[in-house]
Amino acid sequence: MNITLVRGDITEQHADAIVNAANSSLLGGGGVDGAIHRKGGPDILAACRALRASGHGRGLGTGRAVATTAGRLHARWVIHTVGPVHSQEEDRSELLASCYRESLRVADELGARTVAFPAISTGVYGWPVEDAARIAMTAVRTADTRVAEVRFVLFDDRAHEAFARQAG
């Protein structure tokens, strides 16, 4: 698998699948989630509502992943995953790693060969970017997947530098 790093906006990426750092409701929110819903358009929200109506009535659990259409994005699918909120009292790193592994599992089910990831949980969920980069890189490198390219799309220089150090 080829792992690349890009400084930019995940909603501008051309990939088979774009990963959304979703909230558990699957109905949009702030940060990456809001940007994907805004740029992708109403088809993504409609697909998320359908998921809620058929088996995900209480939303999506932390560390899990599901796919929908990508609407108007430059992708075939959006893979929604719910990252954990960082905690000083509890080690939730396995849940964060699960976001990456589960997203790649869903990508394999879809036949996706290129997957673009954001830095999951590093925004309002407060995960320190250095630690998140370490967890993300380890999870992706050790995943059993047929995905040919994983692209980390990082919104700012600080995140890009942290992921670059881990990519070393």
N, C-alpha and C. Protein backbone atom coordinates (compact mmCIF):
# COMPACT_ATOMS: atom_id res chain seq x y z
N MET A 1 0.84 -1.18 0.00
CA MET A 1 0.00 0.00 0.00
C MET A 1 0.89 1.24 0.00
N ASN A 2 0.49 2.23 -0.76
CA ASN A 2 1.18 3.51 -0.82
C ASN A 2 0.48 4.48 0.14
N ILE A 3 1.25 5.09 1.05
CA ILE A 3 0.71 6.07 1.99
C ILE A 3 1.25 7.43 1.60
N THR A 4 0.34 8.38 1.35
CA THR A 4 0.76 9.74 0.99
C THR A 4 0.14 10.74 1.96
N LEU A 5 0.79 11.90 2.05
CA LEU A 5 0.31 12.99 2.90
C LEU A 5 0.05 14.19 2.02
N VAL A 6 -1.08 14.85 2.24
CA VAL A 6 -1.47 16.03 1.49
C VAL A 6 -1.91 17.10 2.47
N ARG A 7 -1.44 18.30 2.28
CA ARG A 7 -1.92 19.45 3.06
C ARG A 7 -3.07 20.03 2.27
N GLY A 8 -4.30 20.03 2.82
CA GLY A 8 -5.41 20.57 2.06
C GLY A 8 -6.77 20.24 2.63
N ASP A 9 -7.75 20.34 1.76
CA ASP A 9 -9.16 20.18 2.07
C ASP A 9 -9.63 18.82 1.58
N ILE A 10 -10.08 17.98 2.47
CA ILE A 10 -10.49 16.62 2.09
C ILE A 10 -11.65 16.63 1.10
N THR A 11 -12.48 17.66 1.13
CA THR A 11 -13.63 17.71 0.21
C THR A 11 -13.21 17.95 -1.23
N GLU A 12 -11.94 18.30 -1.45
CA GLU A 12 -11.43 18.53 -2.81
C GLU A 12 -10.70 17.32 -3.38
N GLN A 13 -10.61 16.26 -2.62
CA GLN A 13 -9.84 15.08 -3.04
C GLN A 13 -10.59 14.23 -4.06
N HIS A 14 -9.84 13.73 -5.03
CA HIS A 14 -10.33 12.75 -5.99
C HIS A 14 -9.85 11.39 -5.48
N ALA A 15 -10.79 10.57 -5.02
CA ALA A 15 -10.47 9.26 -4.46
C ALA A 15 -11.70 8.38 -4.61
N ASP A 16 -11.50 7.08 -4.52
CA ASP A 16 -12.66 6.19 -4.53
C ASP A 16 -13.54 6.45 -3.31
N ALA A 17 -12.89 6.63 -2.16
CA ALA A 17 -13.64 6.86 -0.92
C ALA A 17 -12.96 7.96 -0.10
N ILE A 18 -13.78 8.80 0.47
CA ILE A 18 -13.34 9.84 1.40
C ILE A 18 -13.90 9.47 2.76
N VAL A 19 -13.05 9.48 3.77
CA VAL A 19 -13.49 9.14 5.13
C VAL A 19 -13.94 10.41 5.84
N ASN A 20 -15.10 10.30 6.45
CA ASN A 20 -15.69 11.39 7.21
C ASN A 20 -15.52 11.12 8.70
N ALA A 21 -14.93 12.07 9.40
CA ALA A 21 -14.87 12.01 10.86
C ALA A 21 -16.23 12.46 11.37
N ALA A 22 -17.17 11.52 11.38
CA ALA A 22 -18.57 11.80 11.65
C ALA A 22 -18.88 11.86 13.14
N ASN A 23 -20.01 12.47 13.46
CA ASN A 23 -20.51 12.31 14.82
C ASN A 23 -21.46 11.12 14.82
N SER A 24 -21.79 10.62 15.97
CA SER A 24 -22.55 9.36 16.04
C SER A 24 -23.94 9.44 15.44
N SER A 25 -24.50 10.64 15.33
CA SER A 25 -25.84 10.77 14.76
C SER A 25 -25.86 10.50 13.26
N LEU A 26 -24.72 10.64 12.60
CA LEU A 26 -24.58 10.53 11.14
C LEU A 26 -25.33 11.63 10.39
N LEU A 27 -25.76 12.65 11.08
CA LEU A 27 -26.61 13.66 10.44
C LEU A 27 -25.89 15.00 10.22
N GLY A 28 -24.58 14.96 10.16
CA GLY A 28 -23.82 16.19 9.93
C GLY A 28 -23.43 16.83 11.24
N GLY A 29 -22.51 17.76 11.15
CA GLY A 29 -22.03 18.44 12.34
C GLY A 29 -21.05 19.51 11.94
N GLY A 30 -20.03 19.70 12.75
CA GLY A 30 -19.01 20.70 12.47
C GLY A 30 -17.77 20.06 11.87
N GLY A 31 -16.73 20.84 11.71
CA GLY A 31 -15.45 20.35 11.24
C GLY A 31 -15.54 19.61 9.92
N VAL A 32 -14.80 18.49 9.82
CA VAL A 32 -14.77 17.68 8.61
C VAL A 32 -16.17 17.20 8.25
N ASP A 33 -16.92 16.77 9.26
CA ASP A 33 -18.27 16.25 9.05
C ASP A 33 -19.15 17.29 8.36
N GLY A 34 -19.18 18.50 8.88
CA GLY A 34 -19.99 19.56 8.29
C GLY A 34 -19.53 19.91 6.89
N ALA A 35 -18.21 19.96 6.68
CA ALA A 35 -17.67 20.30 5.36
C ALA A 35 -18.06 19.25 4.33
N ILE A 36 -17.97 17.98 4.68
CA ILE A 36 -18.34 16.91 3.75
C ILE A 36 -19.83 16.97 3.43
N HIS A 37 -20.66 17.18 4.41
CA HIS A 37 -22.10 17.27 4.16
C HIS A 37 -22.44 18.49 3.30
N ARG A 38 -21.81 19.64 3.58
CA ARG A 38 -22.09 20.84 2.79
C ARG A 38 -21.66 20.68 1.34
N LYS A 39 -20.44 20.23 1.14
CA LYS A 39 -19.90 20.12 -0.22
C LYS A 39 -20.53 18.94 -0.98
N GLY A 40 -20.79 17.85 -0.29
CA GLY A 40 -21.35 16.67 -0.93
C GLY A 40 -22.82 16.80 -1.27
N GLY A 41 -23.51 17.69 -0.55
CA GLY A 41 -24.91 17.94 -0.85
C GLY A 41 -25.89 17.03 -0.14
N PRO A 42 -27.16 17.20 -0.46
CA PRO A 42 -28.23 16.52 0.27
C PRO A 42 -28.29 15.01 0.10
N ASP A 43 -27.65 14.46 -0.93
CA ASP A 43 -27.69 13.00 -1.12
C ASP A 43 -26.99 12.27 0.04
N ILE A 44 -25.95 12.88 0.57
CA ILE A 44 -25.24 12.25 1.70
C ILE A 44 -26.13 12.22 2.93
N LEU A 45 -26.77 13.33 3.22
CA LEU A 45 -27.68 13.38 4.38
C LEU A 45 -28.83 12.40 4.20
N ALA A 46 -29.38 12.32 3.00
CA ALA A 46 -30.48 11.38 2.74
C ALA A 46 -30.02 9.94 2.97
N ALA A 47 -28.80 9.61 2.53
CA ALA A 47 -28.28 8.26 2.73
C ALA A 47 -28.03 7.99 4.21
N CYS A 48 -27.56 8.99 4.93
CA CYS A 48 -27.35 8.84 6.38
C CYS A 48 -28.68 8.65 7.10
N ARG A 49 -29.68 9.38 6.69
CA ARG A 49 -31.01 9.20 7.30
C ARG A 49 -31.54 7.79 7.03
N ALA A 50 -31.28 7.27 5.83
CA ALA A 50 -31.70 5.90 5.51
C ALA A 50 -30.97 4.89 6.40
N LEU A 51 -29.68 5.12 6.65
CA LEU A 51 -28.95 4.24 7.56
C LEU A 51 -29.55 4.27 8.96
N ARG A 52 -29.91 5.47 9.41
CA ARG A 52 -30.52 5.61 10.73
C ARG A 52 -31.84 4.86 10.80
N ALA A 53 -32.58 4.85 9.70
CA ALA A 53 -33.89 4.19 9.66
C ALA A 53 -33.77 2.67 9.56
N SER A 54 -32.61 2.18 9.13
CA SER A 54 -32.46 0.74 8.91
C SER A 54 -31.25 0.17 9.64
N GLY A 55 -31.32 0.08 10.93
CA GLY A 55 -30.28 -0.60 11.66
C GLY A 55 -29.35 0.27 12.48
N HIS A 56 -29.32 1.56 12.21
CA HIS A 56 -28.47 2.46 12.99
C HIS A 56 -29.33 3.53 13.65
N GLY A 57 -30.47 3.10 14.18
CA GLY A 57 -31.42 4.04 14.78
C GLY A 57 -30.85 4.88 15.90
N ARG A 58 -29.90 4.33 16.63
CA ARG A 58 -29.27 5.08 17.72
C ARG A 58 -27.98 5.74 17.27
N GLY A 59 -27.70 5.65 15.99
CA GLY A 59 -26.47 6.24 15.47
C GLY A 59 -25.39 5.18 15.33
N LEU A 60 -24.20 5.64 15.02
CA LEU A 60 -23.07 4.76 14.79
C LEU A 60 -22.15 4.78 16.01
N GLY A 61 -21.72 3.61 16.42
CA GLY A 61 -20.84 3.52 17.59
C GLY A 61 -19.43 4.01 17.30
N THR A 62 -18.77 4.45 18.33
CA THR A 62 -17.38 4.90 18.24
C THR A 62 -16.50 3.76 17.73
N GLY A 63 -15.65 4.08 16.74
CA GLY A 63 -14.74 3.10 16.17
C GLY A 63 -15.32 2.28 15.04
N ARG A 64 -16.60 2.46 14.76
CA ARG A 64 -17.27 1.72 13.68
C ARG A 64 -17.25 2.57 12.41
N ALA A 65 -17.63 1.95 11.27
CA ALA A 65 -17.65 2.67 9.99
C ALA A 65 -18.75 2.13 9.10
N VAL A 66 -19.37 3.03 8.33
CA VAL A 66 -20.38 2.68 7.33
C VAL A 66 -20.17 3.59 6.12
N ALA A 67 -20.72 3.17 4.98
CA ALA A 67 -20.52 3.95 3.75
C ALA A 67 -21.85 4.46 3.20
N THR A 68 -21.74 5.60 2.53
CA THR A 68 -22.87 6.17 1.78
C THR A 68 -22.33 6.67 0.44
N THR A 69 -23.24 7.16 -0.36
CA THR A 69 -22.85 7.87 -1.56
C THR A 69 -21.97 9.06 -1.19
N ALA A 70 -21.24 9.58 -2.17
CA ALA A 70 -20.42 10.77 -1.93
C ALA A 70 -21.09 12.02 -2.48
N GLY A 71 -22.29 11.89 -3.00
CA GLY A 71 -22.99 13.07 -3.50
C GLY A 71 -22.17 13.80 -4.55
N ARG A 72 -21.95 15.08 -4.33
CA ARG A 72 -21.23 15.92 -5.30
C ARG A 72 -19.72 15.96 -5.07
N LEU A 73 -19.21 15.15 -4.16
CA LEU A 73 -17.76 15.09 -3.94
C LEU A 73 -17.09 14.36 -5.10
N HIS A 74 -15.77 14.48 -5.20
CA HIS A 74 -15.00 13.81 -6.25
C HIS A 74 -14.61 12.41 -5.79
N ALA A 75 -15.61 11.64 -5.40
CA ALA A 75 -15.40 10.29 -4.89
C ALA A 75 -16.65 9.48 -5.19
N ARG A 76 -16.55 8.18 -5.07
CA ARG A 76 -17.73 7.33 -5.24
C ARG A 76 -18.49 7.18 -3.92
N TRP A 77 -17.70 7.12 -2.82
CA TRP A 77 -18.31 6.87 -1.52
C TRP A 77 -17.73 7.78 -0.44
N VAL A 78 -18.54 7.97 0.60
CA VAL A 78 -18.05 8.53 1.85
C VAL A 78 -18.15 7.41 2.88
N ILE A 79 -17.05 7.17 3.56
CA ILE A 79 -17.04 6.21 4.66
C ILE A 79 -17.07 7.02 5.94
N HIS A 80 -18.15 6.86 6.70
CA HIS A 80 -18.35 7.61 7.94
C HIS A 80 -17.82 6.78 9.10
N THR A 81 -16.98 7.39 9.93
CA THR A 81 -16.49 6.71 11.12
C THR A 81 -16.54 7.69 12.29
N VAL A 82 -16.83 7.17 13.46
CA VAL A 82 -16.98 7.99 14.65
C VAL A 82 -15.74 7.83 15.52
N GLY A 83 -14.96 8.88 15.61
CA GLY A 83 -13.76 8.86 16.44
C GLY A 83 -14.10 9.08 17.90
N PRO A 84 -13.20 8.64 18.77
CA PRO A 84 -13.40 8.85 20.20
C PRO A 84 -13.01 10.27 20.63
N VAL A 85 -13.64 10.74 21.66
CA VAL A 85 -13.22 11.98 22.32
C VAL A 85 -12.00 11.63 23.16
N HIS A 86 -10.96 12.44 23.08
CA HIS A 86 -9.76 12.16 23.87
C HIS A 86 -10.06 12.29 25.35
N SER A 87 -9.43 11.43 26.14
CA SER A 87 -9.61 11.43 27.59
C SER A 87 -8.26 11.31 28.27
N GLN A 88 -8.05 12.09 29.31
CA GLN A 88 -6.85 11.96 30.13
C GLN A 88 -6.97 10.79 31.09
N GLU A 89 -8.19 10.38 31.40
CA GLU A 89 -8.43 9.35 32.40
C GLU A 89 -8.54 7.94 31.82
N GLU A 90 -8.83 7.81 30.54
CA GLU A 90 -9.10 6.51 29.94
C GLU A 90 -8.36 6.40 28.62
N ASP A 91 -7.69 5.27 28.38
CA ASP A 91 -6.98 5.04 27.12
C ASP A 91 -7.99 4.60 26.06
N ARG A 92 -8.25 5.47 25.13
CA ARG A 92 -9.20 5.19 24.04
C ARG A 92 -8.50 5.01 22.70
N SER A 93 -7.19 4.77 22.75
CA SER A 93 -6.42 4.67 21.51
C SER A 93 -6.87 3.50 20.63
N GLU A 94 -7.35 2.41 21.23
CA GLU A 94 -7.83 1.28 20.43
C GLU A 94 -9.07 1.68 19.63
N LEU A 95 -9.91 2.53 20.20
CA LEU A 95 -11.09 3.01 19.45
C LEU A 95 -10.67 3.88 18.27
N LEU A 96 -9.65 4.71 18.46
CA LEU A 96 -9.16 5.53 17.36
C LEU A 96 -8.55 4.65 16.27
N ALA A 97 -7.75 3.68 16.64
CA ALA A 97 -7.18 2.76 15.66
C ALA A 97 -8.28 2.01 14.92
N SER A 98 -9.34 1.65 15.63
CA SER A 98 -10.46 0.95 15.01
C SER A 98 -11.12 1.78 13.91
N CYS A 99 -11.16 3.09 14.08
CA CYS A 99 -11.73 3.95 13.03
C CYS A 99 -11.02 3.72 11.70
N TYR A 100 -9.71 3.65 11.73
CA TYR A 100 -8.92 3.45 10.52
C TYR A 100 -9.09 2.03 9.98
N ARG A 101 -9.00 1.04 10.84
CA ARG A 101 -9.14 -0.35 10.39
C ARG A 101 -10.54 -0.62 9.84
N GLU A 102 -11.56 -0.15 10.55
CA GLU A 102 -12.94 -0.38 10.10
C GLU A 102 -13.22 0.35 8.78
N SER A 103 -12.68 1.55 8.63
CA SER A 103 -12.85 2.28 7.38
C SER A 103 -12.21 1.53 6.23
N LEU A 104 -11.03 0.96 6.45
CA LEU A 104 -10.38 0.17 5.40
C LEU A 104 -11.15 -1.12 5.12
N ARG A 105 -11.73 -1.72 6.14
CA ARG A 105 -12.56 -2.92 5.93
C ARG A 105 -13.75 -2.58 5.04
N VAL A 106 -14.43 -1.47 5.33
CA VAL A 106 -15.56 -1.03 4.51
C VAL A 106 -15.08 -0.72 3.10
N ALA A 107 -13.93 -0.07 2.97
CA ALA A 107 -13.37 0.24 1.65
C ALA A 107 -13.16 -1.05 0.86
N ASP A 108 -12.65 -2.08 1.51
CA ASP A 108 -12.45 -3.36 0.83
C ASP A 108 -13.78 -3.94 0.37
N GLU A 109 -14.80 -3.86 1.21
CA GLU A 109 -16.13 -4.37 0.83
C GLU A 109 -16.66 -3.64 -0.40
N LEU A 110 -16.36 -2.36 -0.51
CA LEU A 110 -16.83 -1.55 -1.63
C LEU A 110 -15.98 -1.75 -2.89
N GLY A 111 -14.77 -2.26 -2.72
CA GLY A 111 -13.83 -2.36 -3.83
C GLY A 111 -13.04 -1.08 -4.06
N ALA A 112 -12.99 -0.21 -3.07
CA ALA A 112 -12.25 1.05 -3.19
C ALA A 112 -10.75 0.76 -3.19
N ARG A 113 -10.03 1.43 -4.07
CA ARG A 113 -8.58 1.27 -4.15
C ARG A 113 -7.84 2.47 -3.57
N THR A 114 -8.48 3.66 -3.58
CA THR A 114 -7.88 4.86 -3.01
C THR A 114 -8.81 5.41 -1.93
N VAL A 115 -8.24 5.70 -0.76
CA VAL A 115 -9.02 6.18 0.37
C VAL A 115 -8.32 7.40 0.96
N ALA A 116 -9.08 8.47 1.13
CA ALA A 116 -8.56 9.71 1.74
C ALA A 116 -9.09 9.83 3.16
N PHE A 117 -8.18 9.97 4.11
CA PHE A 117 -8.52 10.09 5.53
C PHE A 117 -8.20 11.49 6.04
N PRO A 118 -9.04 12.02 6.95
CA PRO A 118 -8.64 13.19 7.73
C PRO A 118 -7.88 12.70 8.97
N ALA A 119 -7.43 13.61 9.79
CA ALA A 119 -6.82 13.26 11.08
C ALA A 119 -7.97 13.12 12.09
N ILE A 120 -8.50 11.94 12.19
CA ILE A 120 -9.70 11.65 12.98
C ILE A 120 -9.46 12.00 14.45
N SER A 121 -10.44 12.66 15.04
CA SER A 121 -10.51 13.01 16.47
C SER A 121 -9.59 14.14 16.90
N THR A 122 -8.86 14.77 15.96
CA THR A 122 -7.90 15.82 16.36
C THR A 122 -8.51 17.21 16.42
N GLY A 123 -9.76 17.35 16.00
CA GLY A 123 -10.42 18.66 16.06
C GLY A 123 -11.10 18.84 17.40
N VAL A 124 -12.40 19.01 17.37
CA VAL A 124 -13.16 19.28 18.60
C VAL A 124 -13.12 18.10 19.59
N TYR A 125 -12.74 16.91 19.11
CA TYR A 125 -12.64 15.76 20.03
C TYR A 125 -11.34 15.77 20.82
N GLY A 126 -10.44 16.71 20.52
CA GLY A 126 -9.31 17.02 21.37
C GLY A 126 -8.14 16.06 21.40
N TRP A 127 -8.04 15.14 20.43
CA TRP A 127 -6.94 14.19 20.47
C TRP A 127 -5.65 14.91 20.09
N PRO A 128 -4.58 14.80 20.88
CA PRO A 128 -3.31 15.43 20.52
C PRO A 128 -2.80 14.90 19.17
N VAL A 129 -2.47 15.81 18.28
CA VAL A 129 -2.18 15.44 16.89
C VAL A 129 -0.98 14.50 16.77
N GLU A 130 0.03 14.67 17.59
CA GLU A 130 1.20 13.77 17.51
C GLU A 130 0.79 12.33 17.82
N ASP A 131 0.01 12.15 18.87
CA ASP A 131 -0.44 10.81 19.25
C ASP A 131 -1.40 10.25 18.22
N ALA A 132 -2.29 11.09 17.72
CA ALA A 132 -3.25 10.64 16.70
C ALA A 132 -2.52 10.19 15.43
N ALA A 133 -1.47 10.90 15.05
CA ALA A 133 -0.69 10.53 13.87
C ALA A 133 -0.03 9.16 14.07
N ARG A 134 0.53 8.94 15.25
CA ARG A 134 1.16 7.65 15.55
C ARG A 134 0.16 6.51 15.46
N ILE A 135 -1.01 6.71 16.06
CA ILE A 135 -2.05 5.68 16.06
C ILE A 135 -2.55 5.43 14.64
N ALA A 136 -2.79 6.49 13.90
CA ALA A 136 -3.30 6.36 12.53
C ALA A 136 -2.32 5.61 11.64
N MET A 137 -1.06 6.02 11.67
CA MET A 137 -0.05 5.38 10.82
C MET A 137 0.12 3.90 11.17
N THR A 138 0.15 3.59 12.45
CA THR A 138 0.30 2.19 12.87
C THR A 138 -0.91 1.37 12.41
N ALA A 139 -2.10 1.90 12.61
CA ALA A 139 -3.32 1.17 12.23
C ALA A 139 -3.37 0.92 10.73
N VAL A 140 -3.02 1.92 9.94
CA VAL A 140 -3.07 1.77 8.48
C VAL A 140 -1.98 0.81 8.00
N ARG A 141 -0.77 0.96 8.52
CA ARG A 141 0.34 0.10 8.08
C ARG A 141 0.11 -1.37 8.42
N THR A 142 -0.59 -1.64 9.50
CA THR A 142 -0.78 -3.03 9.93
C THR A 142 -2.12 -3.61 9.49
N ALA A 143 -2.93 -2.83 8.81
CA ALA A 143 -4.25 -3.31 8.39
C ALA A 143 -4.12 -4.33 7.26
N ASP A 144 -4.97 -5.32 7.32
CA ASP A 144 -5.07 -6.31 6.25
C ASP A 144 -6.09 -5.77 5.26
N THR A 145 -5.60 -5.17 4.17
CA THR A 145 -6.49 -4.48 3.23
C THR A 145 -6.00 -4.63 1.80
N ARG A 146 -6.91 -4.48 0.88
CA ARG A 146 -6.57 -4.47 -0.55
C ARG A 146 -6.49 -3.04 -1.09
N VAL A 147 -6.68 -2.04 -0.24
CA VAL A 147 -6.58 -0.64 -0.66
C VAL A 147 -5.15 -0.39 -1.14
N ALA A 148 -5.02 0.25 -2.31
CA ALA A 148 -3.70 0.50 -2.91
C ALA A 148 -3.08 1.80 -2.41
N GLU A 149 -3.92 2.81 -2.14
CA GLU A 149 -3.40 4.10 -1.68
C GLU A 149 -4.23 4.63 -0.54
N VAL A 150 -3.55 4.95 0.56
CA VAL A 150 -4.16 5.69 1.65
C VAL A 150 -3.55 7.07 1.62
N ARG A 151 -4.42 8.06 1.57
CA ARG A 151 -3.98 9.45 1.52
C ARG A 151 -4.49 10.14 2.79
N PHE A 152 -3.56 10.66 3.59
CA PHE A 152 -3.94 11.45 4.75
C PHE A 152 -4.01 12.90 4.28
N VAL A 153 -5.20 13.48 4.39
CA VAL A 153 -5.42 14.86 3.96
C VAL A 153 -5.50 15.70 5.23
N LEU A 154 -4.48 16.54 5.40
CA LEU A 154 -4.30 17.24 6.67
C LEU A 154 -4.53 18.72 6.47
N PHE A 155 -5.37 19.27 7.33
CA PHE A 155 -5.90 20.61 7.15
C PHE A 155 -4.90 21.71 7.43
N ASP A 156 -3.93 21.45 8.31
CA ASP A 156 -2.99 22.53 8.64
C ASP A 156 -1.56 21.99 8.70
N ASP A 157 -0.61 22.92 8.76
CA ASP A 157 0.81 22.55 8.76
C ASP A 157 1.19 21.70 9.96
N ARG A 158 0.61 22.00 11.12
CA ARG A 158 0.94 21.26 12.34
C ARG A 158 0.59 19.78 12.20
N ALA A 159 -0.60 19.50 11.68
CA ALA A 159 -1.01 18.10 11.47
C ALA A 159 -0.14 17.45 10.39
N HIS A 160 0.10 18.17 9.32
CA HIS A 160 0.92 17.61 8.24
C HIS A 160 2.31 17.24 8.77
N GLU A 161 2.92 18.11 9.57
CA GLU A 161 4.24 17.85 10.13
C GLU A 161 4.23 16.66 11.07
N ALA A 162 3.17 16.53 11.88
CA ALA A 162 3.07 15.40 12.81
C ALA A 162 2.96 14.08 12.05
N PHE A 163 2.14 14.05 11.01
CA PHE A 163 1.99 12.84 10.21
C PHE A 163 3.28 12.55 9.43
N ALA A 164 3.95 13.58 8.95
CA ALA A 164 5.21 13.37 8.24
C ALA A 164 6.26 12.74 9.14
N ARG A 165 6.31 13.14 10.40
CA ARG A 165 7.26 12.54 11.34
C ARG A 165 6.96 11.05 11.52
N GLN A 166 5.69 10.70 11.56
CA GLN A 166 5.31 9.29 11.73
C GLN A 166 5.54 8.50 10.45
N ALA A 167 5.42 9.14 9.31
CA ALA A 167 5.61 8.47 8.03
C ALA A 167 7.08 8.14 7.82
N GLY A 168 7.96 8.99 8.45
CA GLY A 168 9.40 8.89 8.41
C GLY A 168 9.94 7.85 7.58
